[in-house]
Amino acid sequence: MNRNLHDYWGPKRIIPAVRKTADLQTACNSEWPVVFLLIGDLFTVEEYVSQVLRARKKVFLHVDFINGLGSDPIVIKFIAERIKPTGIISTKSHFVKQAKKSGLIAIQRMFLIDNSALDQGIQNIEQSCPDAVEIMPGLIPRVITKLRDTLPQPIIAGGLIQDHAEIEIALQAGASAVSMGSKHLWAPRS
């Protein structure tokens, strides 16, 4: 299934990444149409996803951070059929592949610690074929541009973003969107 994630965020290219339960309502009340959930466990995640969906937002569940889930790909089928987020985020290629088979949008997160990690990450992306790629940290304009020119997927920059100037740098380098856990950056700029 070919999906255009740009349709989800359109010109609103900031993505709140909720890392604390206390911030969930702020993300739901924000103007941003997409929310990344990095919180929850087997008992709470279904309600968190439902809360974001009731706010009429797209919700991507970072399955690597959900307490109580194992690494068996059947977990993704359970998430797709029971929890029903818009999609998932994971560093694990087998989760990305299973998400796509289960009808979920899949974002593969890649940590860029050195050139070897970059090269290996590109190979993993080419094999798992996610719908988008989130890179960490999101403050490397040269690498954002390289990935934008190398991969067909949208690039989401995330991690270590501390102000609106850094958001603009990532977007100008070619990121399609920027995710961040810093709640003060979710407010509209005046």
C-alpha atoms as a PDB file:
ATOM      1  CA  MET A   1       0.000   0.000   0.000  1.00  0.00           C
ATOM      2  CA  ASN A   2       1.495   3.307  -1.063  1.00  0.00           C
ATOM      3  CA  ARG A   3       0.739   6.018   1.475  1.00  0.00           C
ATOM      4  CA  ASN A   4       1.508   9.687   1.374  1.00  0.00           C
ATOM      5  CA  LEU A   5       2.263  10.766   4.924  1.00  0.00           C
ATOM      6  CA  HIS A   6       2.468  14.384   3.772  1.00  0.00           C
ATOM      7  CA  ASP A   7      -1.346  14.227   3.559  1.00  0.00           C
ATOM      8  CA  TYR A   8      -1.481  13.609   7.307  1.00  0.00           C
ATOM      9  CA  TRP A   9       0.521  16.600   8.442  1.00  0.00           C
ATOM     10  CA  GLY A  10       0.201  18.887   5.387  1.00  0.00           C
ATOM     11  CA  PRO A  11       1.742  22.281   6.123  1.00  0.00           C
ATOM     12  CA  LYS A  12       1.689  21.584   9.900  1.00  0.00           C
ATOM     13  CA  ARG A  13       5.014  19.807  10.097  1.00  0.00           C
ATOM     14  CA  ILE A  14       5.579  19.630  13.842  1.00  0.00           C
ATOM     15  CA  ILE A  15       4.754  16.305  15.472  1.00  0.00           C
ATOM     16  CA  PRO A  16       4.297  16.203  19.248  1.00  0.00           C
ATOM     17  CA  ALA A  17       6.123  13.171  20.649  1.00  0.00           C
ATOM     18  CA  VAL A  18       4.399  12.363  23.940  1.00  0.00           C
ATOM     19  CA  ARG A  19       6.851  10.925  26.469  1.00  0.00           C
ATOM     20  CA  LYS A  20       4.863  11.650  29.644  1.00  0.00           C
ATOM     21  CA  THR A  21       1.232  10.872  30.409  1.00  0.00           C
ATOM     22  CA  ALA A  22       0.821  14.416  31.727  1.00  0.00           C
ATOM     23  CA  ASP A  23       1.552  15.772  28.228  1.00  0.00           C
ATOM     24  CA  LEU A  24      -1.004  13.651  26.373  1.00  0.00           C
ATOM     25  CA  GLN A  25      -3.884  16.112  26.711  1.00  0.00           C
ATOM     26  CA  THR A  26      -1.666  19.001  25.599  1.00  0.00           C
ATOM     27  CA  ALA A  27      -0.803  17.092  22.419  1.00  0.00           C
ATOM     28  CA  CYS A  28      -4.483  16.273  21.858  1.00  0.00           C
ATOM     29  CA  ASN A  29      -5.420  19.948  22.264  1.00  0.00           C
ATOM     30  CA  SER A  30      -2.610  21.188  20.002  1.00  0.00           C
ATOM     31  CA  GLU A  31      -3.086  22.348  16.430  1.00  0.00           C
ATOM     32  CA  TRP A  32      -0.849  19.564  15.098  1.00  0.00           C
ATOM     33  CA  PRO A  33      -2.664  16.754  13.244  1.00  0.00           C
ATOM     34  CA  VAL A  34      -0.229  13.925  14.073  1.00  0.00           C
ATOM     35  CA  VAL A  35       0.912  12.642  17.479  1.00  0.00           C
ATOM     36  CA  PHE A  36       3.684  10.164  18.276  1.00  0.00           C
ATOM     37  CA  LEU A  37       2.984   8.156  21.448  1.00  0.00           C
ATOM     38  CA  LEU A  38       6.063   6.952  23.333  1.00  0.00           C
ATOM     39  CA  ILE A  39       4.188   5.993  26.513  1.00  0.00           C
ATOM     40  CA  GLY A  40       1.998   3.223  27.804  1.00  0.00           C
ATOM     41  CA  ASP A  41       1.815  -0.416  28.670  1.00  0.00           C
ATOM     42  CA  LEU A  42      -0.507  -3.294  27.869  1.00  0.00           C
ATOM     43  CA  PHE A  43      -3.150  -1.876  30.226  1.00  0.00           C
ATOM     44  CA  THR A  44      -3.054   1.802  29.211  1.00  0.00           C
ATOM     45  CA  VAL A  45      -2.004   2.069  25.582  1.00  0.00           C
ATOM     46  CA  GLU A  46      -5.424   1.318  24.112  1.00  0.00           C
ATOM     47  CA  GLU A  47      -6.986   4.237  26.017  1.00  0.00           C
ATOM     48  CA  TYR A  48      -4.117   6.578  25.084  1.00  0.00           C
ATOM     49  CA  VAL A  49      -4.514   5.763  21.397  1.00  0.00           C
ATOM     50  CA  SER A  50      -8.296   6.193  21.666  1.00  0.00           C
ATOM     51  CA  GLN A  51      -7.838   9.578  23.344  1.00  0.00           C
ATOM     52  CA  VAL A  52      -5.694  10.842  20.457  1.00  0.00           C
ATOM     53  CA  LEU A  53      -8.091   9.438  17.856  1.00  0.00           C
ATOM     54  CA  ARG A  54     -11.050  11.113  19.630  1.00  0.00           C
ATOM     55  CA  ALA A  55      -9.136  14.394  19.260  1.00  0.00           C
ATOM     56  CA  ARG A  56      -9.274  13.700  15.492  1.00  0.00           C
ATOM     57  CA  LYS A  57      -5.562  13.240  15.110  1.00  0.00           C
ATOM     58  CA  LYS A  58      -3.461  10.538  13.526  1.00  0.00           C
ATOM     59  CA  VAL A  59      -1.579   8.548  16.132  1.00  0.00           C
ATOM     60  CA  PHE A  60       1.631   6.594  15.705  1.00  0.00           C
ATOM     61  CA  LEU A  61       2.514   4.219  18.505  1.00  0.00           C
ATOM     62  CA  HIS A  62       6.211   3.729  19.221  1.00  0.00           C
ATOM     63  CA  VAL A  63       5.991   0.008  19.935  1.00  0.00           C
ATOM     64  CA  ASP A  64       9.552  -0.249  21.257  1.00  0.00           C
ATOM     65  CA  PHE A  65       8.472   1.844  24.272  1.00  0.00           C
ATOM     66  CA  ILE A  66       5.252   0.040  25.187  1.00  0.00           C
ATOM     67  CA  ASN A  67       5.863  -1.924  28.370  1.00  0.00           C
ATOM     68  CA  GLY A  68       4.782  -5.535  28.275  1.00  0.00           C
ATOM     69  CA  LEU A  69       5.099  -6.101  24.540  1.00  0.00           C
ATOM     70  CA  GLY A  70       7.559  -8.702  23.400  1.00  0.00           C
ATOM     71  CA  SER A  71       9.577  -8.828  20.216  1.00  0.00           C
ATOM     72  CA  ASP A  72       7.462 -11.434  18.438  1.00  0.00           C
ATOM     73  CA  PRO A  73       5.878  -9.951  15.287  1.00  0.00           C
ATOM     74  CA  ILE A  74       2.433 -11.207  16.420  1.00  0.00           C
ATOM     75  CA  VAL A  75       2.442  -8.180  18.744  1.00  0.00           C
ATOM     76  CA  ILE A  76       1.955  -5.951  15.709  1.00  0.00           C
ATOM     77  CA  LYS A  77      -1.081  -7.929  14.550  1.00  0.00           C
ATOM     78  CA  PHE A  78      -2.554  -7.505  18.049  1.00  0.00           C
ATOM     79  CA  ILE A  79      -1.876  -3.754  17.923  1.00  0.00           C
ATOM     80  CA  ALA A  80      -3.455  -3.436  14.474  1.00  0.00           C
ATOM     81  CA  GLU A  81      -6.586  -5.389  15.365  1.00  0.00           C
ATOM     82  CA  ARG A  82      -7.114  -4.368  18.984  1.00  0.00           C
ATOM     83  CA  ILE A  83      -5.506  -0.976  19.599  1.00  0.00           C
ATOM     84  CA  LYS A  84      -5.950   0.428  16.067  1.00  0.00           C
ATOM     85  CA  PRO A  85      -3.457   3.292  15.839  1.00  0.00           C
ATOM     86  CA  THR A  86      -2.824   4.980  12.497  1.00  0.00           C
ATOM     87  CA  GLY A  87       0.576   3.349  12.478  1.00  0.00           C
ATOM     88  CA  ILE A  88       3.632   2.337  14.424  1.00  0.00           C
ATOM     89  CA  ILE A  89       7.177   3.551  14.947  1.00  0.00           C
ATOM     90  CA  SER A  90       9.982   1.093  15.603  1.00  0.00           C
ATOM     91  CA  THR A  91      13.705   0.605  15.229  1.00  0.00           C
ATOM     92  CA  LYS A  92      13.037  -3.065  14.485  1.00  0.00           C
ATOM     93  CA  SER A  93      12.791  -4.002  10.816  1.00  0.00           C
ATOM     94  CA  HIS A  94      10.666  -7.089  11.535  1.00  0.00           C
ATOM     95  CA  PHE A  95       8.069  -4.898  13.291  1.00  0.00           C
ATOM     96  CA  VAL A  96       8.041  -2.516  10.326  1.00  0.00           C
ATOM     97  CA  LYS A  97       7.470  -5.373   7.875  1.00  0.00           C
ATOM     98  CA  GLN A  98       4.714  -6.888  10.042  1.00  0.00           C
ATOM     99  CA  ALA A  99       3.010  -3.504  10.466  1.00  0.00           C
ATOM    100  CA  LYS A 100       2.759  -3.097   6.719  1.00  0.00           C
ATOM    101  CA  LYS A 101       1.332  -6.639   6.390  1.00  0.00           C
ATOM    102  CA  SER A 102      -1.199  -5.750   9.093  1.00  0.00           C
ATOM    103  CA  GLY A 103      -2.365  -2.616   7.273  1.00  0.00           C
ATOM    104  CA  LEU A 104      -0.613  -0.094   9.528  1.00  0.00           C
ATOM    105  CA  ILE A 105       1.586   2.743   8.400  1.00  0.00           C
ATOM    106  CA  ALA A 106       5.151   2.025   9.478  1.00  0.00           C
ATOM    107  CA  ILE A 107       7.808   4.542  10.454  1.00  0.00           C
ATOM    108  CA  GLN A 108      11.272   3.148  11.038  1.00  0.00           C
ATOM    109  CA  ARG A 109      13.410   5.042  13.529  1.00  0.00           C
ATOM    110  CA  MET A 110      17.129   5.206  12.843  1.00  0.00           C
ATOM    111  CA  PHE A 111      19.820   6.347  15.277  1.00  0.00           C
ATOM    112  CA  LEU A 112      22.717   8.088  13.532  1.00  0.00           C
ATOM    113  CA  ILE A 113      25.762   7.689  15.715  1.00  0.00           C
ATOM    114  CA  ASP A 114      28.392   7.358  12.981  1.00  0.00           C
ATOM    115  CA  ASN A 115      28.841   6.649   9.255  1.00  0.00           C
ATOM    116  CA  SER A 116      28.522   2.890   9.784  1.00  0.00           C
ATOM    117  CA  ALA A 117      25.152   3.364  11.483  1.00  0.00           C
ATOM    118  CA  LEU A 118      24.051   5.565   8.585  1.00  0.00           C
ATOM    119  CA  ASP A 119      25.082   2.990   5.968  1.00  0.00           C
ATOM    120  CA  GLN A 120      23.527   0.103   7.918  1.00  0.00           C
ATOM    121  CA  GLY A 121      20.387   2.157   8.476  1.00  0.00           C
ATOM    122  CA  ILE A 122      19.992   2.799   4.754  1.00  0.00           C
ATOM    123  CA  GLN A 123      20.353  -0.936   4.071  1.00  0.00           C
ATOM    124  CA  ASN A 124      17.734  -1.753   6.728  1.00  0.00           C
ATOM    125  CA  ILE A 125      15.353   0.840   5.288  1.00  0.00           C
ATOM    126  CA  GLU A 126      15.787  -0.542   1.778  1.00  0.00           C
ATOM    127  CA  GLN A 127      14.911  -4.039   3.061  1.00  0.00           C
ATOM    128  CA  SER A 128      12.005  -3.169   5.354  1.00  0.00           C
ATOM    129  CA  CYS A 129      10.468  -0.468   3.084  1.00  0.00           C
ATOM    130  CA  PRO A 130       8.812   1.661   5.781  1.00  0.00           C
ATOM    131  CA  ASP A 131       6.395   4.416   4.833  1.00  0.00           C
ATOM    132  CA  ALA A 132       8.653   7.012   6.483  1.00  0.00           C
ATOM    133  CA  VAL A 133      11.970   7.210   8.301  1.00  0.00           C
ATOM    134  CA  GLU A 134      12.540   9.056  11.566  1.00  0.00           C
ATOM    135  CA  ILE A 135      16.166   9.944  12.190  1.00  0.00           C
ATOM    136  CA  MET A 136      17.729  10.651  15.555  1.00  0.00           C
ATOM    137  CA  PRO A 137      19.175  13.090  16.321  1.00  0.00           C
ATOM    138  CA  GLY A 138      17.357  15.520  14.063  1.00  0.00           C
ATOM    139  CA  LEU A 139      20.087  18.154  14.087  1.00  0.00           C
ATOM    140  CA  ILE A 140      22.253  16.927  11.226  1.00  0.00           C
ATOM    141  CA  PRO A 141      21.260  18.910   8.117  1.00  0.00           C
ATOM    142  CA  ARG A 142      23.863  17.272   5.859  1.00  0.00           C
ATOM    143  CA  VAL A 143      22.583  13.793   6.725  1.00  0.00           C
ATOM    144  CA  ILE A 144      18.928  14.834   6.390  1.00  0.00           C
ATOM    145  CA  THR A 145      19.696  16.064   2.881  1.00  0.00           C
ATOM    146  CA  LYS A 146      21.598  12.871   2.028  1.00  0.00           C
ATOM    147  CA  LEU A 147      18.754  10.662   3.218  1.00  0.00           C
ATOM    148  CA  ARG A 148      16.165  12.779   1.408  1.00  0.00           C
ATOM    149  CA  ASP A 149      18.181  12.350  -1.797  1.00  0.00           C
ATOM    150  CA  THR A 150      18.832   8.614  -1.211  1.00  0.00           C
ATOM    151  CA  LEU A 151      15.524   7.229   0.092  1.00  0.00           C
ATOM    152  CA  PRO A 152      12.045   7.563  -1.401  1.00  0.00           C
ATOM    153  CA  GLN A 153      10.401   7.751   2.046  1.00  0.00           C
ATOM    154  CA  PRO A 154       9.660  11.024   3.849  1.00  0.00           C
ATOM    155  CA  ILE A 155      12.287  11.888   6.457  1.00  0.00           C
ATOM    156  CA  ILE A 156      11.149  12.923   9.940  1.00  0.00           C
ATOM    157  CA  ALA A 157      13.823  14.620  12.048  1.00  0.00           C
ATOM    158  CA  GLY A 158      13.586  14.047  15.790  1.00  0.00           C
ATOM    159  CA  GLY A 159      15.613  14.207  18.952  1.00  0.00           C
ATOM    160  CA  LEU A 160      17.563  17.009  20.605  1.00  0.00           C
ATOM    161  CA  ILE A 161      15.368  19.696  18.981  1.00  0.00           C
ATOM    162  CA  GLN A 162      15.276  22.582  21.444  1.00  0.00           C
ATOM    163  CA  ASP A 163      13.985  25.641  19.598  1.00  0.00           C
ATOM    164  CA  HIS A 164      12.110  26.803  16.510  1.00  0.00           C
ATOM    165  CA  ALA A 165      15.356  27.721  14.719  1.00  0.00           C
ATOM    166  CA  GLU A 166      16.427  24.059  14.865  1.00  0.00           C
ATOM    167  CA  ILE A 167      13.032  23.015  13.502  1.00  0.00           C
ATOM    168  CA  GLU A 168      13.541  25.359  10.545  1.00  0.00           C
ATOM    169  CA  ILE A 169      17.068  24.062   9.918  1.00  0.00           C
ATOM    170  CA  ALA A 170      15.789  20.468   9.755  1.00  0.00           C
ATOM    171  CA  LEU A 171      12.920  21.426   7.444  1.00  0.00           C
ATOM    172  CA  GLN A 172      15.195  23.436   5.155  1.00  0.00           C
ATOM    173  CA  ALA A 173      17.589  20.477   4.959  1.00  0.00           C
ATOM    174  CA  GLY A 174      14.763  18.372   3.572  1.00  0.00           C
ATOM    175  CA  ALA A 175      12.915  16.856   6.524  1.00  0.00           C
ATOM    176  CA  SER A 176       9.227  16.406   5.780  1.00  0.00           C
ATOM    177  CA  ALA A 177       8.332  16.917   9.439  1.00  0.00           C
ATOM    178  CA  VAL A 178       9.999  17.293  12.836  1.00  0.00           C
ATOM    179  CA  SER A 179       9.015  15.318  15.931  1.00  0.00           C
ATOM    180  CA  MET A 180       9.838  16.554  19.406  1.00  0.00           C
ATOM    181  CA  GLY A 181       9.086  15.837  23.007  1.00  0.00           C
ATOM    182  CA  SER A 182       9.627  19.454  24.124  1.00  0.00           C
ATOM    183  CA  LYS A 183       6.088  20.521  24.954  1.00  0.00           C
ATOM    184  CA  HIS A 184       6.890  24.248  24.703  1.00  0.00           C
ATOM    185  CA  LEU A 185       7.553  23.742  20.961  1.00  0.00           C
ATOM    186  CA  TRP A 186       4.048  22.341  20.365  1.00  0.00           C
ATOM    187  CA  ALA A 187       2.462  25.742  20.912  1.00  0.00           C
ATOM    188  CA  PRO A 188       1.854  27.813  17.780  1.00  0.00           C
ATOM    189  CA  ARG A 189       4.477  30.427  17.031  1.00  0.00           C
ATOM    190  CA  SER A 190       3.278  33.973  17.346  1.00  0.00           C
END
